[in-house]
Amino acid sequence: MLCLGGAVLFAIVTVLQELSVKNTDIIEYLGLLGLFGSIICGLQMLLLEKQTMISSSWKNSGALLSSFAACQFMFCTFSSIFLLNMGTTALHLSLISGNFYTLIIGILLFNYKFHAFYFLSYTLSMTGVYIYSIKRTSTRPMHSMLTVSSQRNDAAAQHLNNRFVNERKLFPIITFLNN
């Protein structure tokens, strides 16, 4: 049940990630993901792992933490680019093919015995990726994003202008001194 729950939550996250990436800027998305991800993970670490952090020795952990951070950065960046170009379905189909590569490494390194259906599952997964990638998923046109952005900027500028006008009415002495 935990595996199915994790798969459902991962699917929901990637669909929302695709929605965010296709409707906003990738750099803005990645920046907010890093900011809020750092805050949430830091709070979880303090609440759940406080004793472990205090009692652990941190001698050789710098390289491991740096490697993990670099891998997470690359995964988030590349998956965002992949989602922008291909979509959630293609991402999930591509991640399914990772099991096949694990099988190949297991055969070469550990003499793992496998069932013939692994080849069938890999063929079906890759066929799904190829069929899905024939047609690119639709995105919002760039000019509509710029229009929405300029409308937001116009609304913000109007709000600031109204606020400044109201402050001038409330504080005429400051207005007189500024002129």
N, C-alpha and C. Protein backbone atom coordinates (compact mmCIF):
# COMPACT_ATOMS: atom_id res chain seq x y z
N MET A 1 0.82 -1.20 0.00
CA MET A 1 0.00 0.00 0.00
C MET A 1 0.87 1.26 0.00
N LEU A 2 1.99 1.21 0.73
CA LEU A 2 2.87 2.37 0.75
C LEU A 2 3.46 2.64 -0.63
N CYS A 3 3.77 1.58 -1.36
CA CYS A 3 4.31 1.74 -2.71
C CYS A 3 3.28 2.39 -3.64
N LEU A 4 2.05 1.92 -3.56
CA LEU A 4 0.99 2.51 -4.39
C LEU A 4 0.71 3.95 -3.99
N GLY A 5 0.70 4.22 -2.70
CA GLY A 5 0.50 5.59 -2.22
C GLY A 5 1.61 6.52 -2.69
N GLY A 6 2.86 6.04 -2.62
CA GLY A 6 3.98 6.83 -3.10
C GLY A 6 3.91 7.09 -4.59
N ALA A 7 3.49 6.08 -5.35
CA ALA A 7 3.36 6.24 -6.80
C ALA A 7 2.27 7.25 -7.14
N VAL A 8 1.16 7.21 -6.42
CA VAL A 8 0.07 8.16 -6.68
C VAL A 8 0.52 9.57 -6.34
N LEU A 9 1.19 9.74 -5.20
CA LEU A 9 1.66 11.07 -4.81
C LEU A 9 2.71 11.59 -5.79
N PHE A 10 3.61 10.72 -6.26
CA PHE A 10 4.61 11.14 -7.25
C PHE A 10 3.93 11.57 -8.55
N ALA A 11 2.89 10.85 -8.94
CA ALA A 11 2.15 11.22 -10.16
C ALA A 11 1.49 12.58 -9.99
N ILE A 12 0.89 12.82 -8.83
CA ILE A 12 0.26 14.12 -8.59
C ILE A 12 1.28 15.24 -8.62
N VAL A 13 2.44 14.99 -8.00
CA VAL A 13 3.49 16.02 -7.97
C VAL A 13 3.99 16.33 -9.37
N THR A 14 4.21 15.32 -10.20
CA THR A 14 4.73 15.59 -11.54
C THR A 14 3.69 16.26 -12.43
N VAL A 15 2.42 15.95 -12.25
CA VAL A 15 1.39 16.65 -13.02
C VAL A 15 1.34 18.12 -12.62
N LEU A 16 1.42 18.40 -11.32
CA LEU A 16 1.44 19.80 -10.87
C LEU A 16 2.73 20.50 -11.30
N GLN A 17 3.84 19.75 -11.32
CA GLN A 17 5.10 20.31 -11.78
C GLN A 17 5.00 20.67 -13.26
N GLU A 18 4.41 19.81 -14.05
CA GLU A 18 4.23 20.12 -15.48
C GLU A 18 3.36 21.35 -15.66
N LEU A 19 2.29 21.45 -14.88
CA LEU A 19 1.41 22.62 -14.95
C LEU A 19 2.18 23.89 -14.61
N SER A 20 3.00 23.83 -13.57
CA SER A 20 3.78 25.00 -13.16
C SER A 20 4.82 25.37 -14.20
N VAL A 21 5.52 24.39 -14.72
CA VAL A 21 6.59 24.66 -15.69
C VAL A 21 6.04 25.22 -16.99
N LYS A 22 4.87 24.72 -17.42
CA LYS A 22 4.32 25.18 -18.70
C LYS A 22 3.63 26.52 -18.58
N ASN A 23 3.23 26.93 -17.38
CA ASN A 23 2.52 28.20 -17.23
C ASN A 23 3.36 29.31 -16.62
N THR A 24 4.54 29.00 -16.13
CA THR A 24 5.44 30.02 -15.59
C THR A 24 6.82 29.81 -16.17
N ASP A 25 7.76 30.59 -15.68
CA ASP A 25 9.14 30.49 -16.11
C ASP A 25 9.83 29.35 -15.35
N ILE A 26 10.68 28.58 -16.02
CA ILE A 26 11.36 27.46 -15.37
C ILE A 26 12.26 27.95 -14.24
N ILE A 27 12.95 29.06 -14.46
CA ILE A 27 13.87 29.56 -13.45
C ILE A 27 13.12 29.99 -12.20
N GLU A 28 11.97 30.62 -12.39
CA GLU A 28 11.14 31.01 -11.24
C GLU A 28 10.65 29.77 -10.50
N TYR A 29 10.22 28.76 -11.25
CA TYR A 29 9.75 27.52 -10.64
C TYR A 29 10.86 26.84 -9.84
N LEU A 30 12.05 26.72 -10.43
CA LEU A 30 13.15 26.06 -9.74
C LEU A 30 13.60 26.85 -8.52
N GLY A 31 13.60 28.17 -8.61
CA GLY A 31 13.97 28.99 -7.47
C GLY A 31 13.01 28.82 -6.30
N LEU A 32 11.70 28.83 -6.59
CA LEU A 32 10.71 28.65 -5.53
C LEU A 32 10.74 27.22 -4.98
N LEU A 33 10.99 26.25 -5.86
CA LEU A 33 11.12 24.87 -5.40
C LEU A 33 12.28 24.72 -4.44
N GLY A 34 13.42 25.32 -4.77
CA GLY A 34 14.58 25.26 -3.89
C GLY A 34 14.35 25.98 -2.58
N LEU A 35 13.72 27.15 -2.64
CA LEU A 35 13.48 27.93 -1.42
C LEU A 35 12.54 27.19 -0.47
N PHE A 36 11.36 26.83 -0.95
CA PHE A 36 10.40 26.17 -0.08
C PHE A 36 10.82 24.75 0.28
N GLY A 37 11.50 24.06 -0.65
CA GLY A 37 12.02 22.73 -0.33
C GLY A 37 13.05 22.77 0.77
N SER A 38 13.92 23.79 0.77
CA SER A 38 14.92 23.92 1.82
C SER A 38 14.27 24.21 3.17
N ILE A 39 13.27 25.07 3.17
CA ILE A 39 12.59 25.40 4.42
C ILE A 39 11.86 24.19 4.98
N ILE A 40 11.10 23.50 4.15
CA ILE A 40 10.32 22.35 4.61
C ILE A 40 11.25 21.22 5.06
N CYS A 41 12.29 20.92 4.29
CA CYS A 41 13.21 19.84 4.66
C CYS A 41 14.00 20.19 5.92
N GLY A 42 14.36 21.46 6.07
CA GLY A 42 15.05 21.88 7.29
C GLY A 42 14.18 21.72 8.52
N LEU A 43 12.91 22.08 8.41
CA LEU A 43 12.00 21.90 9.54
C LEU A 43 11.77 20.43 9.85
N GLN A 44 11.61 19.61 8.82
CA GLN A 44 11.45 18.17 9.04
C GLN A 44 12.68 17.58 9.70
N MET A 45 13.86 18.02 9.28
CA MET A 45 15.09 17.50 9.86
C MET A 45 15.19 17.88 11.33
N LEU A 46 14.85 19.12 11.65
CA LEU A 46 14.91 19.54 13.05
C LEU A 46 13.89 18.81 13.92
N LEU A 47 12.71 18.57 13.40
CA LEU A 47 11.68 17.92 14.18
C LEU A 47 11.88 16.41 14.31
N LEU A 48 12.29 15.76 13.24
CA LEU A 48 12.33 14.30 13.22
C LEU A 48 13.72 13.71 13.47
N GLU A 49 14.77 14.43 13.16
CA GLU A 49 16.12 13.88 13.22
C GLU A 49 17.04 14.63 14.17
N LYS A 50 16.49 15.32 15.14
CA LYS A 50 17.30 16.15 16.02
C LYS A 50 18.33 15.32 16.79
N GLN A 51 17.90 14.23 17.39
CA GLN A 51 18.82 13.39 18.17
C GLN A 51 19.91 12.77 17.29
N THR A 52 19.54 12.33 16.12
CA THR A 52 20.51 11.73 15.21
C THR A 52 21.54 12.75 14.77
N MET A 53 21.10 13.98 14.52
CA MET A 53 22.03 15.03 14.11
C MET A 53 23.02 15.36 15.23
N ILE A 54 22.55 15.37 16.45
CA ILE A 54 23.42 15.71 17.59
C ILE A 54 24.44 14.60 17.83
N SER A 55 24.02 13.36 17.75
CA SER A 55 24.91 12.24 18.09
C SER A 55 25.79 11.78 16.93
N SER A 56 25.55 12.23 15.71
CA SER A 56 26.32 11.77 14.56
C SER A 56 27.67 12.48 14.47
N SER A 57 28.63 11.76 13.90
CA SER A 57 29.90 12.41 13.57
C SER A 57 29.82 12.85 12.11
N TRP A 58 30.24 14.07 11.83
CA TRP A 58 30.07 14.66 10.52
C TRP A 58 31.40 14.73 9.76
N LYS A 59 32.31 13.79 10.01
CA LYS A 59 33.64 13.84 9.41
C LYS A 59 33.61 13.70 7.90
N ASN A 60 33.00 12.65 7.39
CA ASN A 60 33.04 12.36 5.96
C ASN A 60 31.71 12.64 5.27
N SER A 61 30.85 13.40 5.89
CA SER A 61 29.52 13.61 5.35
C SER A 61 29.45 14.73 4.32
N GLY A 62 30.42 15.60 4.28
CA GLY A 62 30.38 16.73 3.35
C GLY A 62 30.32 16.30 1.90
N ALA A 63 31.14 15.33 1.53
CA ALA A 63 31.15 14.86 0.14
C ALA A 63 29.83 14.17 -0.21
N LEU A 64 29.29 13.39 0.72
CA LEU A 64 28.03 12.71 0.46
C LEU A 64 26.87 13.69 0.31
N LEU A 65 26.81 14.67 1.19
CA LEU A 65 25.74 15.67 1.11
C LEU A 65 25.86 16.52 -0.16
N SER A 66 27.09 16.86 -0.53
CA SER A 66 27.30 17.64 -1.75
C SER A 66 26.91 16.83 -2.99
N SER A 67 27.26 15.56 -3.01
CA SER A 67 26.88 14.70 -4.14
C SER A 67 25.37 14.56 -4.24
N PHE A 68 24.72 14.38 -3.10
CA PHE A 68 23.26 14.27 -3.09
C PHE A 68 22.62 15.56 -3.58
N ALA A 69 23.11 16.70 -3.12
CA ALA A 69 22.57 17.99 -3.55
C ALA A 69 22.77 18.19 -5.05
N ALA A 70 23.93 17.81 -5.58
CA ALA A 70 24.19 17.95 -7.01
C ALA A 70 23.26 17.05 -7.82
N CYS A 71 23.04 15.81 -7.36
CA CYS A 71 22.14 14.90 -8.07
C CYS A 71 20.70 15.42 -8.04
N GLN A 72 20.26 15.93 -6.90
CA GLN A 72 18.91 16.48 -6.81
C GLN A 72 18.75 17.70 -7.71
N PHE A 73 19.77 18.55 -7.75
CA PHE A 73 19.73 19.73 -8.62
C PHE A 73 19.60 19.32 -10.08
N MET A 74 20.42 18.34 -10.48
CA MET A 74 20.36 17.89 -11.88
C MET A 74 19.02 17.24 -12.19
N PHE A 75 18.50 16.42 -11.26
CA PHE A 75 17.21 15.76 -11.51
C PHE A 75 16.09 16.78 -11.65
N CYS A 76 16.03 17.75 -10.74
CA CYS A 76 14.96 18.76 -10.81
C CYS A 76 15.09 19.61 -12.06
N THR A 77 16.30 19.99 -12.43
CA THR A 77 16.49 20.81 -13.62
C THR A 77 16.13 20.04 -14.88
N PHE A 78 16.67 18.84 -15.03
CA PHE A 78 16.42 18.07 -16.24
C PHE A 78 14.97 17.61 -16.33
N SER A 79 14.35 17.26 -15.20
CA SER A 79 12.95 16.85 -15.26
C SER A 79 12.05 18.03 -15.63
N SER A 80 12.40 19.25 -15.19
CA SER A 80 11.62 20.42 -15.58
C SER A 80 11.71 20.67 -17.09
N ILE A 81 12.91 20.56 -17.61
CA ILE A 81 13.09 20.73 -19.06
C ILE A 81 12.36 19.62 -19.82
N PHE A 82 12.46 18.40 -19.31
CA PHE A 82 11.79 17.26 -19.93
C PHE A 82 10.28 17.46 -19.91
N LEU A 83 9.74 17.92 -18.78
CA LEU A 83 8.30 18.14 -18.67
C LEU A 83 7.83 19.26 -19.59
N LEU A 84 8.65 20.28 -19.77
CA LEU A 84 8.29 21.37 -20.66
C LEU A 84 8.17 20.88 -22.10
N ASN A 85 9.06 19.99 -22.50
CA ASN A 85 9.10 19.52 -23.88
C ASN A 85 8.22 18.30 -24.14
N MET A 86 8.12 17.40 -23.17
CA MET A 86 7.47 16.11 -23.42
C MET A 86 6.18 15.91 -22.64
N GLY A 87 6.18 16.16 -21.35
CA GLY A 87 4.98 15.96 -20.54
C GLY A 87 5.18 14.91 -19.47
N THR A 88 4.19 14.82 -18.60
CA THR A 88 4.24 13.92 -17.45
C THR A 88 4.23 12.46 -17.86
N THR A 89 3.41 12.13 -18.82
CA THR A 89 3.30 10.72 -19.23
C THR A 89 4.63 10.20 -19.76
N ALA A 90 5.30 10.98 -20.58
CA ALA A 90 6.59 10.56 -21.12
C ALA A 90 7.63 10.44 -20.00
N LEU A 91 7.56 11.32 -19.00
CA LEU A 91 8.50 11.22 -17.88
C LEU A 91 8.30 9.91 -17.13
N HIS A 92 7.06 9.57 -16.85
CA HIS A 92 6.80 8.33 -16.11
C HIS A 92 7.17 7.10 -16.93
N LEU A 93 6.89 7.13 -18.22
CA LEU A 93 7.28 6.00 -19.07
C LEU A 93 8.80 5.86 -19.13
N SER A 94 9.50 6.99 -19.16
CA SER A 94 10.96 6.94 -19.19
C SER A 94 11.53 6.43 -17.88
N LEU A 95 10.93 6.82 -16.76
CA LEU A 95 11.42 6.33 -15.46
C LEU A 95 11.17 4.84 -15.28
N ILE A 96 10.11 4.32 -15.91
CA ILE A 96 9.86 2.88 -15.85
C ILE A 96 11.00 2.11 -16.53
N SER A 97 11.58 2.69 -17.57
CA SER A 97 12.67 1.99 -18.27
C SER A 97 13.92 1.87 -17.39
N GLY A 98 14.01 2.63 -16.31
CA GLY A 98 15.15 2.52 -15.40
C GLY A 98 15.26 1.14 -14.76
N ASN A 99 14.13 0.45 -14.57
CA ASN A 99 14.17 -0.90 -14.01
C ASN A 99 14.92 -1.85 -14.93
N PHE A 100 14.80 -1.65 -16.21
CA PHE A 100 15.49 -2.52 -17.16
C PHE A 100 17.01 -2.33 -17.06
N TYR A 101 17.44 -1.09 -16.92
CA TYR A 101 18.88 -0.85 -16.81
C TYR A 101 19.42 -1.41 -15.49
N THR A 102 18.62 -1.38 -14.45
CA THR A 102 19.02 -2.02 -13.19
C THR A 102 19.17 -3.52 -13.38
N LEU A 103 18.28 -4.11 -14.14
CA LEU A 103 18.36 -5.53 -14.44
C LEU A 103 19.65 -5.86 -15.19
N ILE A 104 20.02 -5.06 -16.17
CA ILE A 104 21.25 -5.29 -16.95
C ILE A 104 22.47 -5.24 -16.03
N ILE A 105 22.53 -4.24 -15.16
CA ILE A 105 23.65 -4.14 -14.21
C ILE A 105 23.67 -5.36 -13.28
N GLY A 106 22.48 -5.80 -12.82
CA GLY A 106 22.40 -6.99 -11.97
C GLY A 106 22.89 -8.24 -12.67
N ILE A 107 22.60 -8.36 -13.95
CA ILE A 107 23.06 -9.53 -14.72
C ILE A 107 24.58 -9.49 -14.86
N LEU A 108 25.12 -8.31 -15.19
CA LEU A 108 26.56 -8.21 -15.43
C LEU A 108 27.38 -8.34 -14.15
N LEU A 109 26.92 -7.73 -13.06
CA LEU A 109 27.71 -7.72 -11.83
C LEU A 109 27.41 -8.87 -10.88
N PHE A 110 26.15 -9.28 -10.79
CA PHE A 110 25.75 -10.22 -9.75
C PHE A 110 25.20 -11.54 -10.30
N ASN A 111 25.31 -11.77 -11.60
CA ASN A 111 24.80 -12.98 -12.24
C ASN A 111 23.33 -13.23 -11.91
N TYR A 112 22.56 -12.18 -11.97
CA TYR A 112 21.15 -12.24 -11.64
C TYR A 112 20.38 -13.02 -12.69
N LYS A 113 19.47 -13.88 -12.25
CA LYS A 113 18.61 -14.63 -13.16
C LYS A 113 17.30 -13.87 -13.29
N PHE A 114 16.81 -13.77 -14.50
CA PHE A 114 15.61 -12.96 -14.74
C PHE A 114 14.61 -13.74 -15.57
N HIS A 115 13.41 -13.18 -15.63
CA HIS A 115 12.33 -13.76 -16.42
C HIS A 115 12.29 -13.08 -17.79
N ALA A 116 11.83 -13.76 -18.79
CA ALA A 116 11.80 -13.24 -20.15
C ALA A 116 10.82 -12.08 -20.30
N PHE A 117 9.88 -11.95 -19.37
CA PHE A 117 8.93 -10.85 -19.46
C PHE A 117 9.58 -9.49 -19.24
N TYR A 118 10.79 -9.46 -18.70
CA TYR A 118 11.49 -8.18 -18.56
C TYR A 118 11.73 -7.54 -19.93
N PHE A 119 12.09 -8.36 -20.92
CA PHE A 119 12.29 -7.83 -22.26
C PHE A 119 10.98 -7.31 -22.85
N LEU A 120 9.90 -8.03 -22.60
CA LEU A 120 8.59 -7.59 -23.06
C LEU A 120 8.19 -6.27 -22.39
N SER A 121 8.41 -6.17 -21.08
CA SER A 121 8.03 -4.94 -20.39
C SER A 121 8.88 -3.76 -20.87
N TYR A 122 10.16 -3.99 -21.11
CA TYR A 122 11.01 -2.90 -21.63
C TYR A 122 10.55 -2.47 -23.02
N THR A 123 10.24 -3.45 -23.87
CA THR A 123 9.78 -3.13 -25.22
C THR A 123 8.48 -2.33 -25.19
N LEU A 124 7.55 -2.73 -24.31
CA LEU A 124 6.30 -2.00 -24.21
C LEU A 124 6.51 -0.60 -23.65
N SER A 125 7.39 -0.45 -22.66
CA SER A 125 7.67 0.87 -22.09
C SER A 125 8.29 1.80 -23.13
N MET A 126 9.28 1.31 -23.84
CA MET A 126 9.92 2.15 -24.86
C MET A 126 8.99 2.45 -26.03
N THR A 127 8.13 1.51 -26.38
CA THR A 127 7.14 1.77 -27.43
C THR A 127 6.20 2.89 -26.98
N GLY A 128 5.80 2.85 -25.72
CA GLY A 128 4.96 3.93 -25.19
C GLY A 128 5.66 5.28 -25.22
N VAL A 129 6.93 5.31 -24.88
CA VAL A 129 7.69 6.56 -24.93
C VAL A 129 7.77 7.08 -26.35
N TYR A 130 8.08 6.21 -27.30
CA TYR A 130 8.22 6.64 -28.69
C TYR A 130 6.89 7.12 -29.27
N ILE A 131 5.81 6.39 -28.98
CA ILE A 131 4.50 6.80 -29.49
C ILE A 131 4.10 8.14 -28.88
N TYR A 132 4.32 8.30 -27.60
CA TYR A 132 3.92 9.54 -26.94
C TYR A 132 4.75 10.72 -27.40
N SER A 133 6.02 10.47 -27.71
CA SER A 133 6.90 11.59 -28.08
C SER A 133 6.79 11.99 -29.55
N ILE A 134 5.96 11.32 -30.31
CA ILE A 134 5.79 11.70 -31.72
C ILE A 134 5.22 13.11 -31.83
N LYS A 135 4.24 13.43 -30.98
CA LYS A 135 3.62 14.75 -31.02
C LYS A 135 3.95 15.49 -29.73
N ARG A 136 4.44 16.70 -29.87
CA ARG A 136 4.81 17.52 -28.72
C ARG A 136 3.56 18.02 -28.00
N THR A 137 3.62 18.09 -26.67
CA THR A 137 2.47 18.57 -25.91
C THR A 137 2.36 20.08 -26.07
N SER A 138 1.15 20.57 -25.94
CA SER A 138 0.92 22.00 -26.17
C SER A 138 1.33 22.82 -24.96
N THR A 139 1.80 24.03 -25.24
CA THR A 139 2.14 24.98 -24.19
C THR A 139 1.43 26.28 -24.49
N ARG A 140 1.37 27.14 -23.48
CA ARG A 140 0.79 28.44 -23.68
C ARG A 140 1.70 29.28 -24.55
N PRO A 141 1.17 30.03 -25.51
CA PRO A 141 2.04 30.86 -26.34
C PRO A 141 2.76 31.91 -25.52
N MET A 142 3.97 32.26 -25.96
CA MET A 142 4.79 33.19 -25.20
C MET A 142 4.15 34.56 -25.11
N HIS A 143 3.46 35.01 -26.19
CA HIS A 143 2.87 36.35 -26.14
C HIS A 143 1.75 36.42 -25.11
N SER A 144 1.04 35.31 -24.86
CA SER A 144 -0.01 35.35 -23.83
C SER A 144 0.60 35.42 -22.44
N MET A 145 1.78 34.77 -22.25
CA MET A 145 2.46 34.88 -20.96
C MET A 145 2.94 36.30 -20.74
N LEU A 146 3.45 36.92 -21.80
CA LEU A 146 3.90 38.30 -21.66
C LEU A 146 2.74 39.24 -21.40
N THR A 147 1.59 38.97 -22.03
CA THR A 147 0.41 39.79 -21.80
C THR A 147 -0.05 39.68 -20.35
N VAL A 148 -0.10 38.43 -19.84
CA VAL A 148 -0.48 38.24 -18.45
C VAL A 148 0.51 38.93 -17.53
N SER A 149 1.80 38.80 -17.83
CA SER A 149 2.83 39.43 -17.01
C SER A 149 2.70 40.94 -17.05
N SER A 150 2.45 41.51 -18.24
CA SER A 150 2.33 42.97 -18.32
C SER A 150 1.05 43.44 -17.63
N GLN A 151 -0.02 42.63 -17.67
CA GLN A 151 -1.23 42.99 -16.96
C GLN A 151 -0.99 43.00 -15.46
N ARG A 152 -0.23 42.02 -14.96
CA ARG A 152 0.11 42.00 -13.54
C ARG A 152 0.94 43.21 -13.17
N ASN A 153 1.92 43.55 -14.02
CA ASN A 153 2.76 44.71 -13.75
C ASN A 153 1.94 45.99 -13.78
N ASP A 154 1.00 46.11 -14.73
CA ASP A 154 0.16 47.30 -14.79
C ASP A 154 -0.71 47.42 -13.54
N ALA A 155 -1.26 46.29 -13.10
CA ALA A 155 -2.09 46.32 -11.89
C ALA A 155 -1.25 46.70 -10.67
N ALA A 156 -0.03 46.17 -10.58
CA ALA A 156 0.85 46.51 -9.46
C ALA A 156 1.23 47.98 -9.50
N ALA A 157 1.53 48.49 -10.70
CA ALA A 157 1.88 49.91 -10.83
C ALA A 157 0.70 50.80 -10.46
N GLN A 158 -0.50 50.42 -10.87
CA GLN A 158 -1.69 51.20 -10.52
C GLN A 158 -1.92 51.19 -9.01
N HIS A 159 -1.71 50.03 -8.38
CA HIS A 159 -1.86 49.93 -6.93
C HIS A 159 -0.86 50.84 -6.22
N LEU A 160 0.39 50.82 -6.66
CA LEU A 160 1.40 51.68 -6.04
C LEU A 160 1.09 53.16 -6.27
N ASN A 161 0.60 53.49 -7.46
CA ASN A 161 0.25 54.88 -7.76
C ASN A 161 -0.90 55.34 -6.87
N ASN A 162 -1.93 54.50 -6.71
CA ASN A 162 -3.05 54.85 -5.84
C ASN A 162 -2.58 55.02 -4.39
N ARG A 163 -1.70 54.16 -3.97
CA ARG A 163 -1.18 54.23 -2.60
C ARG A 163 -0.39 55.52 -2.40
N PHE A 164 0.42 55.88 -3.41
CA PHE A 164 1.22 57.10 -3.32
C PHE A 164 0.32 58.33 -3.28
N VAL A 165 -0.75 58.32 -4.10
CA VAL A 165 -1.68 59.44 -4.11
C VAL A 165 -2.36 59.57 -2.76
N ASN A 166 -2.77 58.42 -2.19
CA ASN A 166 -3.42 58.47 -0.87
C ASN A 166 -2.46 58.96 0.20
N GLU A 167 -1.20 58.56 0.14
CA GLU A 167 -0.22 59.03 1.12
C GLU A 167 0.02 60.53 0.98
N ARG A 168 -0.04 61.03 -0.25
CA ARG A 168 0.14 62.48 -0.46
C ARG A 168 -1.00 63.26 0.16
N LYS A 169 -2.21 62.69 0.12
CA LYS A 169 -3.35 63.36 0.73
C LYS A 169 -3.23 63.36 2.25
N LEU A 170 -2.70 62.26 2.79
CA LEU A 170 -2.60 62.15 4.24
C LEU A 170 -1.45 62.97 4.81
N PHE A 171 -0.39 63.08 4.05
CA PHE A 171 0.81 63.75 4.56
C PHE A 171 1.23 64.90 3.64
N PRO A 172 0.52 66.01 3.65
CA PRO A 172 0.86 67.10 2.72
C PRO A 172 2.19 67.75 3.07
N ILE A 173 2.60 67.71 4.31
CA ILE A 173 3.88 68.35 4.68
C ILE A 173 5.03 67.58 4.08
N ILE A 174 4.97 66.25 4.10
CA ILE A 174 6.03 65.43 3.51
C ILE A 174 6.08 65.67 2.01
N THR A 175 4.92 65.76 1.38
CA THR A 175 4.86 66.02 -0.05
C THR A 175 5.50 67.37 -0.37
N PHE A 176 5.20 68.39 0.46
CA PHE A 176 5.77 69.71 0.25
C PHE A 176 7.30 69.68 0.41
N LEU A 177 7.78 68.96 1.41
CA LEU A 177 9.22 68.87 1.63
C LEU A 177 9.92 68.10 0.52
N ASN A 178 9.28 67.08 -0.04
CA ASN A 178 9.90 66.30 -1.12
C ASN A 178 9.98 67.07 -2.41
N ASN A 179 9.07 68.01 -2.63
CA ASN A 179 9.10 68.81 -3.88
C ASN A 179 10.12 69.87 -3.71
